[in-house]
Amino acid sequence: MEYVKFDGIEKKVSKFFMGTFGMFPDNKEKHFQTLDAAYDLGITAIDTARAYDSEPTVGEWIKSRGVRENIVLLSKGAHPTDYRERVTPYDIDSDLAETLAELQTDYLDIYLLHRDNTKLPVGPIVEKLNEHQAAGRIKIFGGSNWTHERLEEANEYAYAHNLTPMSVSSPNFSLAEQVKNPFAPGCVTIAGNKNADAQEWYTKNQMPVLAYSSLARGLFSGRITRELLANDPESIDMFCRIGYCYEENFVRLDRCKEIAEEKGCSIPQVAMAYVLDSPLNAFPIIGAANRSEIESSLGALDVKLTPSEVLYLELKTDDRK
């Protein structure tokens, strides 16, 4: 495992975050085994959210293992509902209090706002996050599904008012182009050639990018093919099918397979290496279900892509030599 330092967090942060979407409390023993495997393999950063209903599982696992001070714990709040947008100071207060109770801790290492509400000014939001940081409830904070323009706006406000800026972001980022938004409204992707401006912004400022759906919801798992899409589309993850199952991404998949065969590794390891080797300061969030899948993801650390291979994967050239 590789580890880095985030400004504002004393602990080392593992290069991979363990995702906990779907870790509901009704099957906690199975989820405990997955979390045990991740920790044993060196993953010390955990990603959860108020909207995932996985905080009770994560909190109980951390307490039962006695590892709180070894874990970089991230959660997200202020997720909208079908009835209203909830990125408000009031909802931040409410969600953070519930999150800390569910996780059985008195602080988070990283707190992210799960969505943005661009109808609201950033000032009161930034002030509220600073208030919780000053009280010791959060170490650092940022946005999940915030555009880079909105992050910049928030940080300009922070600098102008002698406040702590947002310092971490969690958009979608992978090798695949997100052709349609497969998730809820307000989700943000910085993947693909069409988002070069966002990638340039993140490359320039090196804000950590916690990349969700880093394997495009399984497109690069090695199990999805054009034939499967044509003959049995319902067997493919709905989010993958809606967002990523398009010809340009199947060409990327073909090229991943070529490179994987040459390097003696797997297709997902090539796709994950693309994220790890990008000029962005990227940290993949993995949604592995067992130890074997975690080990496979970590193997991407040993896969190094050449600049020409990266351009080939990005469909910017037809020559990978």
Protein backbone atom coordinates (compact mmCIF):
# COMPACT_ATOMS: atom_id res chain seq x y z
CA MET A 1 0.00 0.00 0.00
CA GLU A 2 1.07 3.57 -0.64
CA TYR A 3 0.28 6.37 1.81
CA VAL A 4 0.28 10.14 1.55
CA LYS A 5 -0.27 13.12 3.82
CA PHE A 6 -3.29 15.41 3.59
CA ASP A 7 -2.86 18.90 5.03
CA GLY A 8 -4.94 19.06 8.20
CA ILE A 9 -4.84 15.32 8.98
CA GLU A 10 -2.02 13.90 11.09
CA LYS A 11 -2.63 10.29 9.99
CA LYS A 12 -1.30 8.89 6.74
CA VAL A 13 -3.96 8.39 4.08
CA SER A 14 -3.95 5.16 2.07
CA LYS A 15 -3.94 5.57 -1.70
CA PHE A 16 -7.25 3.66 -1.86
CA PHE A 17 -10.45 4.47 0.01
CA MET A 18 -12.74 1.60 0.94
CA GLY A 19 -16.28 2.35 -0.24
CA THR A 20 -19.17 1.20 1.93
CA PHE A 21 -22.20 1.78 -0.28
CA GLY A 22 -24.52 -1.21 0.32
CA MET A 23 -23.04 -2.19 3.68
CA PHE A 24 -26.42 -2.27 5.40
CA PRO A 25 -26.63 -3.34 9.07
CA ASP A 26 -28.70 -6.46 8.29
CA ASN A 27 -25.66 -8.31 6.91
CA LYS A 28 -22.97 -6.85 9.07
CA GLU A 29 -20.90 -10.01 9.60
CA LYS A 30 -20.25 -10.27 5.86
CA HIS A 31 -19.41 -6.58 5.70
CA PHE A 32 -17.13 -6.91 8.74
CA GLN A 33 -15.16 -9.56 6.83
CA THR A 34 -14.74 -7.17 3.88
CA LEU A 35 -13.65 -4.31 6.14
CA ASP A 36 -11.26 -6.66 7.99
CA ALA A 37 -9.71 -7.67 4.67
CA ALA A 38 -9.33 -4.07 3.54
CA TYR A 39 -7.67 -3.08 6.81
CA ASP A 40 -5.41 -6.15 6.76
CA LEU A 41 -4.30 -5.22 3.23
CA GLY A 42 -3.39 -1.69 4.30
CA ILE A 43 -6.47 0.36 3.42
CA THR A 44 -6.92 2.78 6.30
CA ALA A 45 -9.28 5.27 4.61
CA ILE A 46 -13.02 4.54 4.68
CA ASP A 47 -15.69 6.34 2.66
CA THR A 48 -19.28 6.32 3.89
CA ALA A 49 -22.26 8.69 3.84
CA ARG A 50 -25.44 9.56 5.67
CA ALA A 51 -27.40 8.57 2.54
CA TYR A 52 -25.79 5.11 2.30
CA ASP A 53 -27.29 3.71 5.53
CA SER A 54 -23.90 2.13 6.12
CA GLU A 55 -22.70 4.36 8.95
CA PRO A 56 -24.01 2.02 11.70
CA THR A 57 -22.08 -0.89 10.17
CA VAL A 58 -18.88 1.11 9.84
CA GLY A 59 -19.20 2.56 13.32
CA GLU A 60 -19.73 -0.82 14.95
CA TRP A 61 -16.83 -2.34 13.02
CA ILE A 62 -14.44 0.44 14.04
CA LYS A 63 -15.49 0.20 17.68
CA SER A 64 -15.31 -3.60 17.81
CA ARG A 65 -11.81 -3.60 16.29
CA GLY A 66 -10.54 -0.67 18.35
CA VAL A 67 -9.00 1.02 15.31
CA ARG A 68 -10.50 4.52 15.34
CA GLU A 69 -7.17 6.30 15.65
CA ASN A 70 -5.74 4.26 12.78
CA ILE A 71 -8.63 5.00 10.42
CA VAL A 72 -9.06 8.05 8.18
CA LEU A 73 -12.83 8.25 8.41
CA LEU A 74 -14.81 10.12 5.76
CA SER A 75 -18.53 10.66 5.64
CA LYS A 76 -20.85 12.80 3.57
CA GLY A 77 -23.99 14.73 4.43
CA ALA A 78 -26.54 17.26 3.19
CA HIS A 79 -27.84 14.94 0.47
CA PRO A 80 -31.07 16.18 -1.15
CA THR A 81 -34.33 14.27 -0.92
CA ASP A 82 -37.24 14.01 -3.35
CA TYR A 83 -38.88 16.86 -1.47
CA ARG A 84 -36.21 19.51 -1.05
CA GLU A 85 -32.60 20.47 -1.56
CA ARG A 86 -30.74 20.15 1.71
CA VAL A 87 -27.35 21.83 1.38
CA THR A 88 -28.07 24.37 4.12
CA PRO A 89 -26.35 25.23 7.40
CA TYR A 90 -29.30 23.70 9.27
CA ASP A 91 -29.04 20.40 7.41
CA ILE A 92 -25.27 20.28 7.83
CA ASP A 93 -25.78 20.59 11.59
CA SER A 94 -28.44 17.90 11.64
CA ASP A 95 -26.70 15.41 9.38
CA LEU A 96 -23.32 15.77 11.02
CA ALA A 97 -24.79 15.15 14.47
CA GLU A 98 -26.52 12.00 13.21
CA THR A 99 -23.39 10.83 11.42
CA LEU A 100 -21.19 11.17 14.50
CA ALA A 101 -23.75 9.23 16.56
CA GLU A 102 -24.05 6.43 13.99
CA LEU A 103 -20.29 6.15 13.58
CA GLN A 104 -19.79 6.21 17.37
CA THR A 105 -17.09 8.87 17.17
CA ASP A 106 -16.74 12.49 18.16
CA TYR A 107 -14.97 13.61 15.01
CA LEU A 108 -14.49 12.88 11.31
CA ASP A 109 -11.17 13.13 9.54
CA ILE A 110 -12.90 14.24 6.32
CA TYR A 111 -16.40 15.63 5.88
CA LEU A 112 -17.90 16.20 2.43
CA LEU A 113 -21.14 17.78 1.34
CA HIS A 114 -22.76 15.04 -0.74
CA ARG A 115 -24.30 17.46 -3.24
CA ASP A 116 -24.27 21.16 -3.97
CA ASN A 117 -27.15 23.62 -4.13
CA THR A 118 -26.06 26.33 -6.51
CA LYS A 119 -29.16 28.36 -5.72
CA LEU A 120 -27.61 29.18 -2.34
CA PRO A 121 -24.60 31.44 -1.79
CA VAL A 122 -21.47 29.60 -0.71
CA GLY A 123 -20.70 31.96 2.18
CA PRO A 124 -23.00 30.52 4.87
CA ILE A 125 -22.01 26.98 3.85
CA VAL A 126 -18.30 27.70 4.19
CA GLU A 127 -18.88 29.47 7.50
CA LYS A 128 -20.84 26.52 8.89
CA LEU A 129 -18.12 24.02 7.90
CA ASN A 130 -15.52 26.24 9.55
CA GLU A 131 -17.64 26.32 12.69
CA HIS A 132 -17.64 22.53 12.92
CA GLN A 133 -13.93 22.40 12.21
CA ALA A 134 -13.21 24.90 14.98
CA ALA A 135 -15.29 22.77 17.36
CA GLY A 136 -13.17 19.72 16.51
CA ARG A 137 -15.97 17.73 14.88
CA ILE A 138 -14.22 17.60 11.50
CA LYS A 139 -10.55 17.86 10.53
CA ILE A 140 -10.86 18.85 6.86
CA PHE A 141 -13.82 19.29 4.53
CA GLY A 142 -14.85 19.63 0.92
CA GLY A 143 -17.47 18.72 -1.64
CA SER A 144 -18.69 15.59 -3.30
CA ASN A 145 -20.27 16.33 -6.69
CA TRP A 146 -19.24 19.97 -6.59
CA THR A 147 -18.01 21.49 -9.83
CA HIS A 148 -14.51 22.92 -9.81
CA GLU A 149 -15.98 26.37 -10.51
CA ARG A 150 -18.13 26.15 -7.38
CA LEU A 151 -15.21 24.86 -5.29
CA GLU A 152 -13.18 27.83 -6.49
CA GLU A 153 -16.00 30.19 -5.57
CA ALA A 154 -16.21 28.67 -2.08
CA ASN A 155 -12.47 29.00 -1.57
CA GLU A 156 -12.36 32.57 -2.80
CA TYR A 157 -14.95 33.37 -0.14
CA ALA A 158 -12.89 31.52 2.48
CA TYR A 159 -9.68 33.39 1.63
CA ALA A 160 -11.48 36.74 1.59
CA HIS A 161 -12.88 36.10 5.09
CA ASN A 162 -9.84 34.44 6.71
CA LEU A 163 -11.57 31.07 6.81
CA THR A 164 -10.36 27.56 6.06
CA PRO A 165 -11.04 26.62 2.42
CA MET A 166 -12.40 23.36 1.05
CA SER A 167 -9.44 21.07 0.48
CA VAL A 168 -10.79 17.78 -0.91
CA SER A 169 -13.24 16.78 -3.63
CA SER A 170 -15.06 13.61 -4.66
CA PRO A 171 -16.37 13.66 -8.24
CA ASN A 172 -16.73 10.74 -10.60
CA PHE A 173 -13.45 10.02 -12.35
CA SER A 174 -12.46 7.00 -14.41
CA LEU A 175 -11.14 6.07 -17.84
CA ALA A 176 -14.71 5.86 -19.18
CA GLU A 177 -16.64 8.80 -20.58
CA GLN A 178 -19.88 9.24 -18.64
CA VAL A 179 -22.18 9.59 -21.64
CA LYS A 180 -25.34 10.01 -19.53
CA ASN A 181 -25.65 10.75 -15.82
CA PRO A 182 -26.71 7.37 -14.40
CA PHE A 183 -27.05 8.61 -10.85
CA ALA A 184 -29.22 11.23 -9.17
CA PRO A 185 -29.46 14.82 -10.43
CA GLY A 186 -26.57 16.96 -9.28
CA CYS A 187 -23.86 14.34 -9.70
CA VAL A 188 -20.62 15.63 -11.21
CA THR A 189 -18.11 13.82 -13.41
CA ILE A 190 -14.69 15.06 -14.46
CA ALA A 191 -13.96 11.99 -16.62
CA GLY A 192 -13.39 11.90 -20.33
CA ASN A 193 -12.00 14.23 -22.95
CA LYS A 194 -14.97 16.60 -22.70
CA ASN A 195 -14.01 17.49 -19.12
CA ALA A 196 -10.44 18.52 -19.89
CA ASP A 197 -10.96 21.92 -18.24
CA ALA A 198 -11.89 20.33 -14.91
CA GLN A 199 -8.98 17.92 -15.12
CA GLU A 200 -6.63 20.83 -15.86
CA TRP A 201 -7.94 22.68 -12.77
CA TYR A 202 -7.38 19.68 -10.51
CA THR A 203 -3.96 19.04 -12.01
CA LYS A 204 -2.93 22.63 -11.41
CA ASN A 205 -4.04 22.88 -7.78
CA GLN A 206 -3.54 19.21 -6.79
CA MET A 207 -6.63 19.12 -4.59
CA PRO A 208 -7.12 15.43 -3.65
CA VAL A 209 -9.71 13.79 -5.91
CA LEU A 210 -11.51 10.90 -4.23
CA ALA A 211 -12.68 9.20 -7.40
CA TYR A 212 -15.98 7.35 -7.15
CA SER A 213 -17.05 4.77 -9.77
CA SER A 214 -13.38 4.52 -10.72
CA LEU A 215 -14.13 1.33 -12.71
CA ALA A 216 -17.25 2.85 -14.31
CA ARG A 217 -19.66 0.75 -12.26
CA GLY A 218 -18.03 -2.46 -13.43
CA LEU A 219 -17.53 -1.67 -17.11
CA PHE A 220 -13.82 -2.45 -16.60
CA SER A 221 -14.46 -5.50 -14.44
CA GLY A 222 -13.64 -7.76 -17.37
CA ARG A 223 -17.11 -9.27 -17.34
CA ILE A 224 -19.02 -6.79 -19.51
CA THR A 225 -18.97 -7.05 -23.32
CA ARG A 226 -20.85 -5.70 -26.30
CA GLU A 227 -22.43 -9.14 -26.68
CA LEU A 228 -23.71 -9.10 -23.11
CA LEU A 229 -25.23 -5.66 -23.66
CA ALA A 230 -26.96 -6.86 -26.85
CA ASN A 231 -28.20 -10.21 -25.55
CA ASP A 232 -28.79 -9.72 -21.82
CA PRO A 233 -28.71 -6.01 -20.93
CA GLU A 234 -30.68 -6.49 -17.70
CA SER A 235 -27.80 -8.54 -16.27
CA ILE A 236 -25.59 -5.46 -16.36
CA ASP A 237 -25.60 -3.04 -13.43
CA MET A 238 -28.22 -0.41 -14.24
CA PHE A 239 -25.90 2.53 -13.55
CA CYS A 240 -23.21 1.02 -15.76
CA ARG A 241 -25.66 0.35 -18.57
CA ILE A 242 -27.11 3.87 -18.52
CA GLY A 243 -23.91 5.81 -17.99
CA TYR A 244 -21.13 3.89 -19.67
CA CYS A 245 -22.24 1.15 -22.09
CA TYR A 246 -21.57 3.02 -25.32
CA GLU A 247 -19.28 2.25 -28.23
CA GLU A 248 -16.55 4.75 -27.34
CA ASN A 249 -16.21 3.12 -23.94
CA PHE A 250 -16.20 -0.36 -25.41
CA VAL A 251 -13.26 0.78 -27.55
CA ARG A 252 -11.53 1.91 -24.35
CA LEU A 253 -12.32 -1.50 -22.88
CA ASP A 254 -10.81 -3.23 -25.94
CA ARG A 255 -7.65 -1.20 -25.51
CA CYS A 256 -7.48 -1.99 -21.80
CA LYS A 257 -7.60 -5.67 -22.71
CA GLU A 258 -4.76 -5.28 -25.21
CA ILE A 259 -2.54 -3.54 -22.68
CA ALA A 260 -3.47 -5.98 -19.90
CA GLU A 261 -2.45 -8.95 -22.07
CA GLU A 262 0.89 -7.29 -22.85
CA LYS A 263 1.62 -6.42 -19.22
CA GLY A 264 0.37 -9.69 -17.76
CA CYS A 265 -2.23 -8.04 -15.54
CA SER A 266 -6.01 -7.74 -15.51
CA ILE A 267 -8.34 -5.34 -17.32
CA PRO A 268 -9.51 -3.65 -14.09
CA GLN A 269 -5.89 -3.17 -13.02
CA VAL A 270 -5.14 -1.25 -16.23
CA ALA A 271 -8.25 0.91 -15.78
CA MET A 272 -7.38 1.54 -12.13
CA ALA A 273 -3.77 2.33 -13.03
CA TYR A 274 -5.11 5.00 -15.38
CA VAL A 275 -6.73 6.73 -12.38
CA LEU A 276 -3.70 6.26 -10.13
CA ASP A 277 -1.21 7.46 -12.75
CA SER A 278 -3.20 10.49 -13.85
CA PRO A 279 -1.72 13.96 -13.27
CA LEU A 280 -4.59 14.55 -10.86
CA ASN A 281 -3.98 13.84 -7.18
CA ALA A 282 -6.41 10.91 -7.41
CA PHE A 283 -7.46 8.33 -4.83
CA PRO A 284 -9.80 5.60 -6.10
CA ILE A 285 -12.78 4.64 -3.95
CA ILE A 286 -13.22 0.90 -4.41
CA GLY A 287 -16.48 -0.98 -3.91
CA ALA A 288 -14.97 -4.45 -3.54
CA ALA A 289 -17.14 -7.20 -2.03
CA ASN A 290 -14.40 -9.51 -0.77
CA ARG A 291 -10.68 -9.90 -0.15
CA SER A 292 -9.95 -11.20 -3.65
CA GLU A 293 -11.49 -8.14 -5.30
CA ILE A 294 -9.58 -5.83 -2.95
CA GLU A 295 -6.30 -7.58 -3.74
CA SER A 296 -7.01 -7.25 -7.45
CA SER A 297 -7.58 -3.50 -7.09
CA LEU A 298 -4.40 -3.01 -5.09
CA GLY A 299 -2.45 -4.80 -7.83
CA ALA A 300 -2.96 -1.70 -9.96
CA LEU A 301 -0.23 -0.02 -7.91
CA ASP A 302 2.28 -2.23 -9.73
CA VAL A 303 0.95 -1.39 -13.21
CA LYS A 304 2.66 1.58 -14.84
CA LEU A 305 1.32 3.09 -18.04
CA THR A 306 3.47 4.91 -20.56
CA PRO A 307 2.38 8.34 -21.85
CA SER A 308 1.59 6.80 -25.23
CA GLU A 309 -0.53 4.09 -23.59
CA VAL A 310 -2.50 6.76 -21.72
CA LEU A 311 -3.21 8.64 -24.95
CA TYR A 312 -4.23 5.35 -26.57
CA LEU A 313 -6.66 4.59 -23.74
CA GLU A 314 -8.09 8.10 -23.96
CA LEU A 315 -8.78 7.59 -27.70
CA LYS A 316 -6.45 10.47 -28.54
CA THR A 317 -4.30 8.28 -30.77
CA ASP A 318 -4.52 4.91 -32.47
CA ASP A 319 -0.85 4.16 -31.80
CA ARG A 320 0.20 2.93 -28.35
CA LYS A 321 3.89 2.61 -29.15
